[in-house]
Amino acid sequence: MRFSRLLFSFVLATSALTGTALAQDDYPSRPITWVVPFGAGGGLDAVARLLAPKVASKLGQSIVVENRPGAGGTIGVASVATAKADGYTIVHGTNGTQGVAPALYSKLAYDPNRDFIGVTRLSSVGFLLMVPSTSPILSLQQFIADLKAHPNTRTFGTSGNGSIPHIAGEAFAAATGTTVRHIPYKAVPAVLNDVLGGRLDFMIDSTTNSYALVMGGRMRALAVLTSSAQAFPPEVPTLATAGIRNFDVSGWDAIFVPAATPRTAVDKLNRAITEALKDPEITKAFQERGLTPVPTSIDQTADFLKLDLPRWAEATRRAGAKAD
């Protein structure tokens, strides 16, 4: 009788383990939710909607892109930190949500290191310093001279305190020995309207968002703030041309899943997304938006995050940015 009970228990345990293994081997067996923690129509949303169909075809399962904006992307990221760790909910994070946010918010609902696994990086993007095309400022050197002649007078707007453009603007002022006034907004379109309307003097934004503005003649790009990414358009000078060395503001995005997600699911996601990033159609679409595809292994992603997240946290502290 005792032997029968032991055998029955063993069979139950084996069945449970086998069921778990089969569940992981069958992944994905239902649609995946791809959370974009920013509003529809933005640069990150565009990347997600470009990539999702390619990734879905490789996984053999549909992917639903869902926008969960708010609080600089932290609301959407926090919602995935507490989601079921089964690989069916992934989040599109950035150096802002994963690196800046911990230094920006005194009470953040997630810990980027503890609560997530980085599946793969997606892209890197440069940032441009721009003035409206109607501005009398024609060059980077002239711009710096103007800032020095009008200390703490010239204004720039961003999508909020602690945003990458905010950190970039404060870092630029420190590097050039100038002072500027930061005006936080809720969204980039409002910033653009006020720059074009003459109510702000300049703005900093990613090449993804800036491409159409510069090429359409509405904005004048004075400098690319990124040392490692190709300037877009190519004729835009880097800060090194003005004698400013070791200055690098670049953005990146990556896919994250809750920390307890089974490695089998993480591996499958990594393989599907990195293969999609190497698709010539995706490469072309990214390049047209000023993006560089950066597919990485899970280990490469972890190594990158280990070095880069503290860098952004420190930059945020130096800028004195706080959201609460």
Protein backbone atom coordinates (compact mmCIF):
# COMPACT_ATOMS: atom_id res chain seq x y z
CA MET A 1 0.00 0.00 0.00
CA ARG A 2 2.82 2.41 0.93
CA PHE A 3 4.64 1.49 -2.28
CA SER A 4 1.46 2.23 -4.28
CA ARG A 5 1.12 5.68 -2.68
CA LEU A 6 4.78 6.46 -3.41
CA LEU A 7 4.38 5.31 -7.00
CA PHE A 8 1.23 7.42 -7.38
CA SER A 9 3.03 10.49 -5.98
CA PHE A 10 5.94 9.91 -8.33
CA VAL A 11 3.60 9.64 -11.31
CA LEU A 12 1.86 12.90 -10.32
CA ALA A 13 5.16 14.74 -9.91
CA THR A 14 6.50 13.41 -13.20
CA SER A 15 3.29 14.40 -14.97
CA ALA A 16 3.49 17.91 -13.55
CA LEU A 17 7.10 18.33 -14.66
CA THR A 18 6.35 16.89 -18.06
CA GLY A 19 3.36 19.22 -18.42
CA THR A 20 5.54 22.22 -17.59
CA ALA A 21 8.19 21.15 -20.08
CA LEU A 22 5.59 20.61 -22.77
CA ALA A 23 4.04 23.99 -22.03
CA GLN A 24 7.42 25.64 -22.49
CA ASP A 25 8.19 23.60 -25.61
CA ASP A 26 4.82 24.63 -27.08
CA TYR A 27 5.54 28.32 -26.49
CA PRO A 28 4.00 30.36 -27.89
CA SER A 29 0.60 28.71 -28.11
CA ARG A 30 -1.46 31.91 -27.94
CA PRO A 31 -1.08 35.61 -28.85
CA ILE A 32 1.68 37.69 -27.26
CA THR A 33 1.11 41.22 -25.95
CA TRP A 34 3.88 43.69 -26.87
CA VAL A 35 3.55 46.63 -24.48
CA VAL A 36 4.74 50.02 -25.74
CA PRO A 37 4.91 52.31 -22.67
CA PHE A 38 4.39 55.45 -24.76
CA GLY A 39 1.57 56.83 -26.88
CA ALA A 40 0.54 55.68 -30.33
CA GLY A 41 2.25 57.38 -33.25
CA GLY A 42 5.59 58.02 -31.56
CA GLY A 43 8.98 56.69 -32.58
CA LEU A 44 8.89 53.68 -30.25
CA ASP A 45 5.39 52.78 -31.37
CA ALA A 46 6.52 52.89 -35.00
CA VAL A 47 9.41 50.53 -34.29
CA ALA A 48 7.12 48.08 -32.49
CA ARG A 49 4.58 48.05 -35.30
CA LEU A 50 7.31 47.54 -37.89
CA LEU A 51 8.86 44.63 -36.03
CA ALA A 52 5.86 42.86 -34.53
CA PRO A 53 4.54 41.25 -37.76
CA LYS A 54 8.02 39.95 -38.64
CA VAL A 55 8.53 38.50 -35.15
CA ALA A 56 5.02 37.02 -35.17
CA SER A 57 5.68 35.18 -38.44
CA LYS A 58 8.84 33.63 -36.99
CA LEU A 59 7.09 32.54 -33.80
CA GLY A 60 4.01 31.29 -35.63
CA GLN A 61 1.77 33.26 -33.33
CA SER A 62 0.13 36.69 -33.48
CA ILE A 63 1.46 39.68 -31.53
CA VAL A 64 -0.76 42.49 -30.28
CA VAL A 65 0.97 45.87 -29.84
CA GLU A 66 -0.62 47.66 -26.88
CA ASN A 67 0.14 51.27 -25.86
CA ARG A 68 0.22 51.93 -22.11
CA PRO A 69 1.59 55.48 -21.83
CA GLY A 70 2.11 57.67 -18.79
CA ALA A 71 4.76 58.97 -16.37
CA GLY A 72 7.60 58.85 -18.86
CA GLY A 73 6.89 55.26 -19.80
CA THR A 74 7.08 53.95 -16.23
CA ILE A 75 3.38 53.04 -16.00
CA GLY A 76 3.58 50.61 -18.90
CA VAL A 77 6.87 49.14 -17.73
CA ALA A 78 5.55 48.69 -14.19
CA SER A 79 2.51 46.83 -15.52
CA VAL A 80 4.77 44.22 -17.12
CA ALA A 81 6.99 43.89 -14.03
CA THR A 82 4.01 42.35 -12.22
CA ALA A 83 2.60 40.45 -15.21
CA LYS A 84 2.60 36.66 -15.30
CA ALA A 85 6.12 35.52 -16.16
CA ASP A 86 5.21 33.19 -19.00
CA GLY A 87 6.57 35.01 -22.05
CA TYR A 88 3.17 36.22 -23.23
CA THR A 89 3.67 39.82 -22.07
CA ILE A 90 6.78 41.70 -23.22
CA VAL A 91 7.67 45.36 -22.85
CA HIS A 92 9.51 47.77 -25.11
CA GLY A 93 11.85 49.59 -22.72
CA THR A 94 14.40 52.36 -23.28
CA ASN A 95 17.36 53.93 -21.52
CA GLY A 96 14.79 56.36 -20.16
CA THR A 97 12.50 53.77 -18.56
CA GLN A 98 15.29 51.47 -17.40
CA GLY A 99 18.22 53.85 -16.73
CA VAL A 100 16.87 57.33 -16.03
CA ALA A 101 13.64 56.45 -14.20
CA PRO A 102 15.26 54.91 -11.08
CA ALA A 103 17.12 58.17 -10.44
CA LEU A 104 14.19 60.35 -11.46
CA TYR A 105 11.44 58.86 -9.29
CA SER A 106 11.89 58.45 -5.54
CA LYS A 107 9.23 55.72 -5.50
CA LEU A 108 9.44 53.67 -8.66
CA ALA A 109 7.11 50.66 -8.93
CA TYR A 110 9.82 48.44 -10.42
CA ASP A 111 13.52 47.72 -10.26
CA PRO A 112 15.03 47.40 -13.76
CA ASN A 113 17.70 44.98 -12.57
CA ARG A 114 15.60 42.83 -10.24
CA ASP A 115 12.30 42.66 -12.10
CA PHE A 116 13.31 42.10 -15.72
CA ILE A 117 15.35 40.01 -18.12
CA GLY A 118 16.62 41.80 -21.21
CA VAL A 119 15.69 39.70 -24.24
CA THR A 120 17.60 41.71 -26.85
CA ARG A 121 18.44 45.26 -27.79
CA LEU A 122 16.53 46.58 -30.78
CA SER A 123 18.20 49.75 -32.01
CA SER A 124 20.35 52.73 -31.21
CA VAL A 125 19.50 56.27 -32.19
CA GLY A 126 21.30 59.59 -32.32
CA PHE A 127 20.06 62.93 -31.01
CA LEU A 128 20.06 66.27 -32.79
CA LEU A 129 20.23 69.81 -31.43
CA MET A 130 17.89 71.94 -33.54
CA VAL A 131 16.55 75.46 -33.99
CA PRO A 132 13.64 76.48 -36.21
CA SER A 133 14.58 77.17 -39.80
CA THR A 134 13.56 80.81 -39.27
CA SER A 135 16.21 81.26 -36.54
CA PRO A 136 19.16 83.61 -37.25
CA ILE A 137 21.43 80.95 -35.69
CA LEU A 138 23.14 79.14 -38.56
CA SER A 139 25.92 77.12 -36.91
CA LEU A 140 26.89 75.31 -33.74
CA GLN A 141 29.62 77.83 -32.98
CA GLN A 142 27.17 80.71 -33.37
CA PHE A 143 24.69 78.91 -31.12
CA ILE A 144 27.22 78.44 -28.31
CA ALA A 145 28.30 82.09 -28.60
CA ASP A 146 24.66 83.17 -28.34
CA LEU A 147 24.12 81.07 -25.21
CA LYS A 148 27.18 82.61 -23.57
CA ALA A 149 25.97 86.10 -24.46
CA HIS A 150 22.53 85.40 -22.94
CA PRO A 151 23.10 83.26 -19.81
CA ASN A 152 20.07 81.37 -18.48
CA THR A 153 17.86 83.07 -21.04
CA ARG A 154 17.55 80.71 -24.01
CA THR A 155 14.86 78.07 -23.54
CA PHE A 156 14.38 74.51 -24.69
CA GLY A 157 11.44 72.19 -24.21
CA THR A 158 11.20 68.44 -23.77
CA SER A 159 8.54 65.83 -23.07
CA GLY A 160 9.30 66.09 -19.34
CA ASN A 161 11.79 66.20 -16.50
CA GLY A 162 14.30 63.40 -16.78
CA SER A 163 13.60 62.69 -20.44
CA ILE A 164 16.66 61.91 -22.56
CA PRO A 165 16.46 65.35 -24.31
CA HIS A 166 16.35 67.02 -20.88
CA ILE A 167 19.42 65.17 -19.67
CA ALA A 168 21.13 65.91 -23.01
CA GLY A 169 20.36 69.62 -22.77
CA GLU A 170 21.74 69.93 -19.25
CA ALA A 171 24.83 67.94 -20.20
CA PHE A 172 25.38 70.11 -23.28
CA ALA A 173 25.17 73.29 -21.20
CA ALA A 174 27.67 71.89 -18.70
CA ALA A 175 30.05 70.82 -21.47
CA THR A 176 29.96 74.24 -23.15
CA GLY A 177 30.06 76.36 -19.99
CA THR A 178 26.62 77.83 -20.68
CA THR A 179 23.27 77.94 -18.89
CA VAL A 180 19.86 77.32 -20.40
CA ARG A 181 16.27 77.16 -19.17
CA HIS A 182 14.44 73.85 -19.42
CA ILE A 183 10.67 73.93 -19.95
CA PRO A 184 8.99 70.53 -19.43
CA TYR A 185 5.97 69.59 -21.54
CA LYS A 186 3.71 66.56 -21.59
CA ALA A 187 4.41 65.59 -25.20
CA VAL A 188 6.87 66.31 -28.02
CA PRO A 189 4.28 67.75 -30.47
CA ALA A 190 3.59 70.58 -28.02
CA VAL A 191 7.33 71.28 -27.80
CA LEU A 192 7.61 71.37 -31.57
CA ASN A 193 4.68 73.77 -31.89
CA ASP A 194 6.26 76.21 -29.46
CA VAL A 195 9.69 75.99 -31.09
CA LEU A 196 8.20 76.65 -34.51
CA GLY A 197 6.04 79.40 -33.02
CA GLY A 198 9.03 81.19 -31.52
CA ARG A 199 8.07 80.57 -27.89
CA LEU A 200 11.08 78.27 -27.36
CA ASP A 201 14.58 78.82 -28.71
CA PHE A 202 15.72 75.28 -29.46
CA MET A 203 14.99 71.63 -28.94
CA ILE A 204 16.78 68.28 -28.76
CA ASP A 205 15.17 65.16 -30.14
CA SER A 206 16.03 61.76 -31.56
CA THR A 207 16.85 61.39 -35.22
CA THR A 208 13.76 59.18 -35.45
CA ASN A 209 11.48 62.12 -34.66
CA SER A 210 13.73 64.78 -36.24
CA TYR A 211 14.25 63.28 -39.68
CA ALA A 212 11.07 64.59 -41.30
CA LEU A 213 11.42 67.99 -39.60
CA VAL A 214 14.96 68.59 -40.84
CA MET A 215 14.49 67.13 -44.30
CA GLY A 216 11.20 69.03 -44.67
CA GLY A 217 12.93 72.33 -43.92
CA ARG A 218 11.02 73.14 -40.75
CA MET A 219 13.98 72.70 -38.40
CA ARG A 220 17.71 73.37 -38.76
CA ALA A 221 20.01 70.73 -37.25
CA LEU A 222 23.06 72.39 -35.65
CA ALA A 223 24.76 69.30 -34.21
CA VAL A 224 24.46 65.60 -33.61
CA LEU A 225 25.01 64.83 -29.93
CA THR A 226 25.99 61.22 -30.47
CA SER A 227 29.60 60.17 -30.96
CA SER A 228 29.03 56.58 -32.05
CA ALA A 229 25.95 56.88 -34.26
CA GLN A 230 26.05 58.23 -37.78
CA ALA A 231 24.80 61.81 -38.00
CA PHE A 232 21.56 62.22 -39.85
CA PRO A 233 21.64 63.97 -42.21
CA PRO A 234 25.34 63.23 -42.82
CA GLU A 235 26.36 66.89 -43.18
CA VAL A 236 25.31 67.75 -39.61
CA PRO A 237 28.48 68.30 -37.51
CA THR A 238 29.28 66.51 -34.28
CA LEU A 239 30.17 68.35 -31.08
CA ALA A 240 33.79 67.36 -31.65
CA THR A 241 33.91 69.96 -34.43
CA ALA A 242 33.41 72.62 -31.75
CA GLY A 243 36.14 71.10 -29.58
CA ILE A 244 33.75 69.28 -27.24
CA ARG A 245 35.19 65.81 -26.66
CA ASN A 246 33.86 62.69 -24.94
CA PHE A 247 30.26 63.79 -25.29
CA ASP A 248 27.78 61.08 -26.21
CA VAL A 249 24.02 61.12 -25.89
CA SER A 250 22.45 58.21 -27.69
CA GLY A 251 19.18 56.47 -27.16
CA TRP A 252 18.43 52.76 -27.25
CA ASP A 253 15.47 50.47 -26.92
CA ALA A 254 15.20 46.83 -25.96
CA ILE A 255 12.69 44.11 -25.21
CA PHE A 256 12.21 42.98 -21.60
CA VAL A 257 10.20 40.25 -19.90
CA PRO A 258 9.45 39.61 -16.21
CA ALA A 259 12.46 38.16 -14.40
CA ALA A 260 10.95 34.73 -13.73
CA THR A 261 10.10 34.05 -17.38
CA PRO A 262 11.27 30.54 -18.38
CA ARG A 263 14.54 30.54 -20.28
CA THR A 264 12.96 28.49 -23.06
CA ALA A 265 10.53 31.32 -23.81
CA VAL A 266 13.26 33.98 -23.53
CA ASP A 267 15.45 32.04 -25.96
CA LYS A 268 12.63 31.73 -28.50
CA LEU A 269 11.82 35.42 -28.24
CA ASN A 270 15.48 36.35 -28.64
CA ARG A 271 15.89 34.17 -31.70
CA ALA A 272 12.73 35.49 -33.40
CA ILE A 273 13.41 39.17 -32.67
CA THR A 274 17.10 39.13 -33.61
CA GLU A 275 16.29 37.34 -36.86
CA ALA A 276 13.63 39.96 -37.63
CA LEU A 277 16.13 42.75 -36.96
CA LYS A 278 18.43 41.28 -39.61
CA ASP A 279 15.69 41.28 -42.24
CA PRO A 280 16.76 43.64 -45.09
CA GLU A 281 13.30 45.23 -45.13
CA ILE A 282 13.56 46.07 -41.42
CA THR A 283 17.14 47.30 -41.77
CA LYS A 284 16.08 49.68 -44.55
CA ALA A 285 13.05 50.92 -42.61
CA PHE A 286 15.17 51.55 -39.52
CA GLN A 287 17.86 53.40 -41.44
CA GLU A 288 15.24 55.64 -43.04
CA ARG A 289 14.26 56.66 -39.52
CA GLY A 290 17.82 57.29 -38.37
CA LEU A 291 17.96 54.04 -36.41
CA THR A 292 20.69 51.41 -36.32
CA PRO A 293 19.46 47.82 -35.67
CA VAL A 294 21.33 46.25 -32.74
CA PRO A 295 20.38 42.57 -32.33
CA THR A 296 22.10 41.04 -29.31
CA SER A 297 22.17 37.73 -27.49
CA ILE A 298 20.65 37.49 -24.02
CA ASP A 299 24.10 37.54 -22.43
CA GLN A 300 25.24 40.50 -24.57
CA THR A 301 22.10 42.36 -23.56
CA ALA A 302 22.78 41.71 -19.87
CA ASP A 303 26.39 42.88 -20.19
CA PHE A 304 25.30 46.07 -21.97
CA LEU A 305 22.65 46.90 -19.37
CA LYS A 306 25.07 46.32 -16.52
CA LEU A 307 27.32 49.06 -17.88
CA ASP A 308 24.82 51.50 -19.37
CA LEU A 309 22.03 51.74 -16.77
CA PRO A 310 24.30 53.20 -14.06
CA ARG A 311 25.63 55.73 -16.59
CA TRP A 312 22.15 57.13 -17.22
CA ALA A 313 21.26 57.13 -13.54
CA GLU A 314 24.38 59.18 -12.80
CA ALA A 315 23.66 61.60 -15.66
CA THR A 316 20.15 62.12 -14.27
CA ARG A 317 21.48 62.86 -10.78
CA ARG A 318 24.02 65.33 -12.18
CA ALA A 319 21.24 67.14 -14.06
CA GLY A 320 19.29 67.45 -10.81
CA ALA A 321 16.15 66.13 -12.47
CA LYS A 322 13.29 64.93 -10.28
CA ALA A 323 9.75 63.93 -11.17
CA ASP A 324 8.30 63.85 -7.65
